[in-house]
N, C-alpha and C. Protein backbone atom coordinates (compact mmCIF):
# COMPACT_ATOMS: atom_id res chain seq x y z
N MET A 1 -4.88 77.54 16.23
CA MET A 1 -3.88 78.42 15.66
C MET A 1 -2.98 78.95 16.79
N GLU A 2 -1.70 78.92 16.55
CA GLU A 2 -0.72 79.43 17.51
C GLU A 2 -0.91 80.93 17.69
N LYS A 3 -0.73 81.39 18.93
CA LYS A 3 -0.78 82.82 19.20
C LYS A 3 0.50 83.23 19.90
N LEU A 4 1.04 84.33 19.45
CA LEU A 4 2.22 84.95 20.04
C LEU A 4 1.91 86.44 20.03
N ILE A 5 1.34 86.93 21.11
CA ILE A 5 0.77 88.28 21.14
C ILE A 5 1.82 89.33 21.45
N SER A 6 1.85 90.35 20.61
CA SER A 6 2.79 91.46 20.74
C SER A 6 2.29 92.44 21.81
N CYS A 7 3.08 93.44 22.10
CA CYS A 7 2.72 94.48 23.07
C CYS A 7 1.38 95.13 22.73
N CYS A 8 1.13 95.32 21.43
CA CYS A 8 -0.07 96.02 20.99
C CYS A 8 -1.24 95.10 20.67
N GLY A 9 -1.02 93.79 20.76
CA GLY A 9 -2.12 92.85 20.54
C GLY A 9 -2.11 92.15 19.20
N LEU A 10 -1.18 92.50 18.32
CA LEU A 10 -1.09 91.78 17.06
C LEU A 10 -0.57 90.37 17.33
N ASN A 11 -0.96 89.42 16.51
CA ASN A 11 -0.50 88.04 16.67
C ASN A 11 0.74 87.83 15.81
N CYS A 12 1.90 87.86 16.45
CA CYS A 12 3.16 87.70 15.72
C CYS A 12 3.27 86.34 15.04
N ALA A 13 2.58 85.33 15.56
CA ALA A 13 2.65 83.99 14.97
C ALA A 13 2.14 83.99 13.53
N SER A 14 1.23 84.90 13.21
CA SER A 14 0.69 84.94 11.85
C SER A 14 1.27 86.08 11.02
N CYS A 15 2.28 86.77 11.55
CA CYS A 15 2.89 87.89 10.85
C CYS A 15 3.86 87.40 9.77
N ASP A 16 3.72 87.93 8.58
CA ASP A 16 4.59 87.52 7.47
C ASP A 16 6.06 87.84 7.74
N ALA A 17 6.34 88.91 8.47
CA ALA A 17 7.74 89.24 8.79
C ALA A 17 8.36 88.15 9.65
N ARG A 18 7.63 87.69 10.65
CA ARG A 18 8.14 86.63 11.53
C ARG A 18 8.26 85.32 10.76
N ILE A 19 7.27 85.00 9.97
CA ILE A 19 7.29 83.77 9.19
C ILE A 19 8.48 83.77 8.24
N ALA A 20 8.71 84.89 7.56
CA ALA A 20 9.84 85.01 6.63
C ALA A 20 11.17 84.90 7.37
N THR A 21 11.24 85.50 8.55
CA THR A 21 12.47 85.45 9.34
C THR A 21 12.79 84.02 9.76
N LEU A 22 11.81 83.35 10.33
CA LEU A 22 12.04 81.99 10.82
C LEU A 22 12.37 81.01 9.70
N ALA A 23 11.77 81.23 8.52
CA ALA A 23 12.01 80.35 7.38
C ALA A 23 13.16 80.82 6.50
N ASN A 24 13.71 82.00 6.83
CA ASN A 24 14.73 82.63 5.99
C ASN A 24 14.27 82.67 4.53
N ASP A 25 13.06 83.17 4.35
CA ASP A 25 12.38 83.17 3.05
C ASP A 25 12.47 84.56 2.41
N ASP A 26 13.42 84.74 1.52
CA ASP A 26 13.63 86.04 0.88
C ASP A 26 12.46 86.46 -0.01
N GLU A 27 11.79 85.49 -0.62
CA GLU A 27 10.65 85.83 -1.47
C GLU A 27 9.50 86.38 -0.62
N LEU A 28 9.26 85.77 0.52
CA LEU A 28 8.21 86.29 1.41
C LEU A 28 8.62 87.65 1.97
N ARG A 29 9.89 87.87 2.23
CA ARG A 29 10.36 89.19 2.66
C ARG A 29 10.04 90.23 1.58
N ARG A 30 10.32 89.88 0.33
CA ARG A 30 10.05 90.79 -0.78
C ARG A 30 8.57 91.10 -0.89
N GLN A 31 7.74 90.07 -0.82
CA GLN A 31 6.29 90.24 -0.92
C GLN A 31 5.75 91.08 0.25
N THR A 32 6.28 90.83 1.43
CA THR A 32 5.83 91.56 2.63
C THR A 32 6.23 93.03 2.53
N ALA A 33 7.44 93.29 2.11
CA ALA A 33 7.88 94.69 1.95
C ALA A 33 6.99 95.41 0.94
N GLU A 34 6.69 94.74 -0.14
CA GLU A 34 5.83 95.34 -1.18
C GLU A 34 4.44 95.64 -0.61
N LYS A 35 3.87 94.69 0.10
CA LYS A 35 2.54 94.86 0.69
C LYS A 35 2.55 95.97 1.74
N TRP A 36 3.56 95.99 2.60
CA TRP A 36 3.62 96.97 3.68
C TRP A 36 3.91 98.37 3.16
N ARG A 37 4.65 98.50 2.06
CA ARG A 37 4.88 99.83 1.49
C ARG A 37 3.55 100.50 1.17
N VAL A 38 2.62 99.72 0.62
CA VAL A 38 1.30 100.25 0.28
C VAL A 38 0.45 100.40 1.53
N MET A 39 0.37 99.34 2.34
CA MET A 39 -0.50 99.32 3.51
C MET A 39 -0.18 100.44 4.50
N TYR A 40 1.11 100.68 4.72
CA TYR A 40 1.51 101.68 5.71
C TYR A 40 1.97 102.99 5.06
N ASN A 41 1.79 103.10 3.74
CA ASN A 41 2.21 104.30 3.02
C ASN A 41 3.66 104.65 3.37
N SER A 42 4.51 103.64 3.30
CA SER A 42 5.93 103.77 3.65
C SER A 42 6.79 103.24 2.51
N PRO A 43 7.05 104.07 1.51
CA PRO A 43 7.79 103.61 0.33
C PRO A 43 9.22 103.18 0.61
N ASP A 44 9.73 103.48 1.80
CA ASP A 44 11.12 103.15 2.13
C ASP A 44 11.30 101.73 2.66
N ILE A 45 10.22 100.97 2.87
CA ILE A 45 10.35 99.61 3.39
C ILE A 45 11.00 98.73 2.32
N THR A 46 12.05 98.03 2.73
CA THR A 46 12.77 97.13 1.82
C THR A 46 12.69 95.70 2.35
N PRO A 47 12.92 94.72 1.49
CA PRO A 47 12.94 93.33 1.96
C PRO A 47 13.97 93.09 3.06
N GLU A 48 15.07 93.81 3.02
CA GLU A 48 16.11 93.65 4.04
C GLU A 48 15.63 94.06 5.43
N MET A 49 14.59 94.88 5.49
CA MET A 49 14.04 95.32 6.77
C MET A 49 13.10 94.29 7.38
N ILE A 50 12.70 93.32 6.60
CA ILE A 50 11.72 92.33 7.05
C ILE A 50 12.44 91.20 7.78
N ASN A 51 12.76 91.46 9.03
CA ASN A 51 13.41 90.50 9.92
C ASN A 51 12.89 90.74 11.32
N CYS A 52 12.14 89.80 11.86
CA CYS A 52 11.58 89.96 13.19
C CYS A 52 11.13 88.61 13.73
N THR A 53 11.42 88.37 14.99
CA THR A 53 10.95 87.14 15.64
C THR A 53 9.76 87.41 16.56
N GLY A 54 9.36 88.68 16.67
CA GLY A 54 8.26 89.07 17.54
C GLY A 54 8.79 90.02 18.61
N CYS A 55 8.02 91.04 18.93
CA CYS A 55 8.53 92.09 19.83
C CYS A 55 8.76 91.62 21.25
N ARG A 56 8.12 90.53 21.65
CA ARG A 56 8.31 90.05 23.02
C ARG A 56 9.17 88.78 23.06
N MET A 57 9.80 88.46 21.95
CA MET A 57 10.64 87.26 21.84
C MET A 57 12.10 87.67 21.65
N GLU A 58 13.00 86.77 22.00
CA GLU A 58 14.42 87.00 21.73
C GLU A 58 14.64 86.95 20.22
N GLY A 59 15.63 87.67 19.75
CA GLY A 59 15.99 87.61 18.34
C GLY A 59 15.77 88.92 17.61
N ALA A 60 15.77 88.83 16.30
CA ALA A 60 15.66 89.99 15.42
C ALA A 60 14.37 90.76 15.68
N LYS A 61 14.46 92.07 15.51
CA LYS A 61 13.30 92.96 15.67
C LYS A 61 13.13 93.82 14.43
N ILE A 62 11.90 94.08 14.08
CA ILE A 62 11.59 94.95 12.96
C ILE A 62 12.12 96.35 13.29
N GLY A 63 12.44 97.13 12.29
CA GLY A 63 13.14 98.40 12.47
C GLY A 63 12.56 99.38 13.46
N HIS A 64 11.24 99.50 13.55
CA HIS A 64 10.65 100.51 14.43
C HIS A 64 10.53 100.04 15.88
N TRP A 65 10.98 98.83 16.19
CA TRP A 65 10.81 98.26 17.53
C TRP A 65 11.35 99.19 18.62
N ALA A 66 12.55 99.71 18.43
CA ALA A 66 13.18 100.55 19.46
C ALA A 66 12.38 101.83 19.73
N GLU A 67 11.66 102.31 18.72
CA GLU A 67 10.88 103.54 18.87
C GLU A 67 9.40 103.30 19.13
N CYS A 68 8.98 102.07 19.18
CA CYS A 68 7.55 101.75 19.31
C CYS A 68 6.96 102.36 20.58
N GLY A 69 6.05 103.29 20.40
CA GLY A 69 5.43 103.97 21.53
C GLY A 69 4.63 103.05 22.41
N MET A 70 3.99 102.05 21.83
CA MET A 70 3.19 101.12 22.61
C MET A 70 4.08 100.26 23.51
N ARG A 71 5.17 99.78 22.95
CA ARG A 71 6.12 98.97 23.73
C ARG A 71 6.74 99.81 24.84
N LYS A 72 7.14 101.03 24.52
CA LYS A 72 7.75 101.91 25.52
C LYS A 72 6.77 102.23 26.65
N CYS A 73 5.54 102.55 26.29
CA CYS A 73 4.53 102.91 27.29
C CYS A 73 4.23 101.71 28.19
N ALA A 74 3.98 100.54 27.61
CA ALA A 74 3.70 99.35 28.40
C ALA A 74 4.86 99.05 29.34
N SER A 75 6.06 99.12 28.82
CA SER A 75 7.25 98.86 29.63
C SER A 75 7.38 99.85 30.78
N SER A 76 7.07 101.12 30.53
CA SER A 76 7.18 102.14 31.58
C SER A 76 6.19 101.89 32.72
N LYS A 77 5.13 101.14 32.42
CA LYS A 77 4.12 100.81 33.44
C LYS A 77 4.33 99.40 34.00
N ASN A 78 5.46 98.79 33.62
CA ASN A 78 5.78 97.42 34.02
C ASN A 78 4.77 96.40 33.51
N PHE A 79 4.23 96.64 32.31
CA PHE A 79 3.33 95.70 31.65
C PHE A 79 4.10 95.04 30.51
N SER A 80 3.80 93.79 30.22
CA SER A 80 4.42 93.14 29.06
C SER A 80 3.65 93.45 27.78
N THR A 81 2.38 93.85 27.92
CA THR A 81 1.55 94.26 26.79
C THR A 81 0.69 95.44 27.23
N CYS A 82 -0.06 95.99 26.31
CA CYS A 82 -0.99 97.08 26.63
C CYS A 82 -2.26 96.57 27.30
N GLY A 83 -2.45 95.26 27.33
CA GLY A 83 -3.67 94.66 27.85
C GLY A 83 -4.13 95.12 29.21
N PRO A 84 -3.27 95.16 30.22
CA PRO A 84 -3.75 95.53 31.55
C PRO A 84 -3.95 97.03 31.77
N CYS A 85 -3.63 97.84 30.80
CA CYS A 85 -3.74 99.29 30.97
C CYS A 85 -5.21 99.72 31.00
N GLU A 86 -5.58 100.50 31.99
CA GLU A 86 -6.96 100.99 32.11
C GLU A 86 -7.36 101.92 30.97
N ALA A 87 -6.38 102.55 30.33
CA ALA A 87 -6.66 103.50 29.25
C ALA A 87 -6.69 102.83 27.87
N LEU A 88 -6.58 101.53 27.81
CA LEU A 88 -6.45 100.81 26.54
C LEU A 88 -7.43 101.28 25.46
N LEU A 89 -8.69 101.29 25.75
CA LEU A 89 -9.69 101.60 24.72
C LEU A 89 -9.77 103.08 24.36
N ASN A 90 -9.13 103.94 25.15
CA ASN A 90 -9.13 105.37 24.87
C ASN A 90 -7.74 105.92 24.59
N CYS A 91 -6.80 105.04 24.33
CA CYS A 91 -5.40 105.44 24.19
C CYS A 91 -5.08 105.89 22.77
N ASP A 92 -4.52 107.07 22.63
CA ASP A 92 -4.15 107.58 21.32
C ASP A 92 -2.93 106.87 20.75
N ILE A 93 -2.11 106.27 21.62
CA ILE A 93 -0.90 105.59 21.15
C ILE A 93 -1.26 104.30 20.40
N ILE A 94 -2.17 103.52 20.96
CA ILE A 94 -2.53 102.22 20.35
C ILE A 94 -3.70 102.33 19.36
N LYS A 95 -4.36 103.45 19.35
CA LYS A 95 -5.55 103.65 18.50
C LYS A 95 -5.34 103.24 17.04
N PRO A 96 -4.24 103.61 16.39
CA PRO A 96 -4.06 103.20 14.98
C PRO A 96 -4.03 101.68 14.79
N VAL A 97 -3.46 100.97 15.73
CA VAL A 97 -3.42 99.50 15.63
C VAL A 97 -4.83 98.94 15.76
N LEU A 98 -5.56 99.43 16.73
CA LEU A 98 -6.91 98.93 16.97
C LEU A 98 -7.85 99.23 15.80
N GLN A 99 -7.55 100.28 15.04
CA GLN A 99 -8.38 100.62 13.88
C GLN A 99 -8.22 99.61 12.75
N PHE A 100 -6.97 99.14 12.52
CA PHE A 100 -6.79 98.19 11.42
C PHE A 100 -6.73 96.74 11.89
N ALA A 101 -6.69 96.51 13.20
CA ALA A 101 -6.68 95.15 13.74
C ALA A 101 -7.59 95.06 14.96
N PRO A 102 -8.90 95.08 14.73
CA PRO A 102 -9.84 95.08 15.85
C PRO A 102 -9.71 93.86 16.77
N ASP A 103 -9.17 92.76 16.28
CA ASP A 103 -9.00 91.57 17.11
C ASP A 103 -7.87 91.73 18.12
N ALA A 104 -7.10 92.82 18.02
CA ALA A 104 -5.98 93.05 18.94
C ALA A 104 -6.45 93.16 20.39
N VAL A 105 -7.61 93.76 20.63
CA VAL A 105 -8.12 93.90 22.00
C VAL A 105 -8.40 92.52 22.59
N GLU A 106 -9.04 91.66 21.82
CA GLU A 106 -9.31 90.30 22.30
C GLU A 106 -8.02 89.53 22.53
N ASN A 107 -7.05 89.73 21.65
CA ASN A 107 -5.75 89.08 21.85
C ASN A 107 -5.11 89.54 23.15
N LEU A 108 -5.18 90.84 23.42
CA LEU A 108 -4.59 91.39 24.65
C LEU A 108 -5.31 90.85 25.89
N LYS A 109 -6.62 90.70 25.81
CA LYS A 109 -7.37 90.16 26.94
C LYS A 109 -7.01 88.70 27.18
N SER A 110 -6.66 87.98 26.13
CA SER A 110 -6.32 86.56 26.29
C SER A 110 -4.96 86.35 26.92
N VAL A 111 -4.11 87.39 26.91
CA VAL A 111 -2.76 87.29 27.47
C VAL A 111 -2.74 87.69 28.92
N ASN A 112 -3.50 88.70 29.28
CA ASN A 112 -3.44 89.26 30.63
C ASN A 112 -4.69 89.00 31.42
């Protein structure tokens, strides 16, 4: 399986937003927005927001990319991901991701 690891350790290669963007698949955008509205308790997510090529790739970015605390923190430490950070397992910034995606730590270790 292809891996494209984000700053926080999620695998962008398997992300529905990236898949929908690359395929220009409006139905998958709609389904993803519907799923994410419930999953993230964010009723404002619309299919039009589902455009992303991955946070570490050139191209479209999901709406919260500019404000992403994990990306900002890693960048401030000159890291491309959170993987090399000594505080990774005790970090309050990445903690929510690690709670719903426990494989993120292994993904981060595989990159750095």
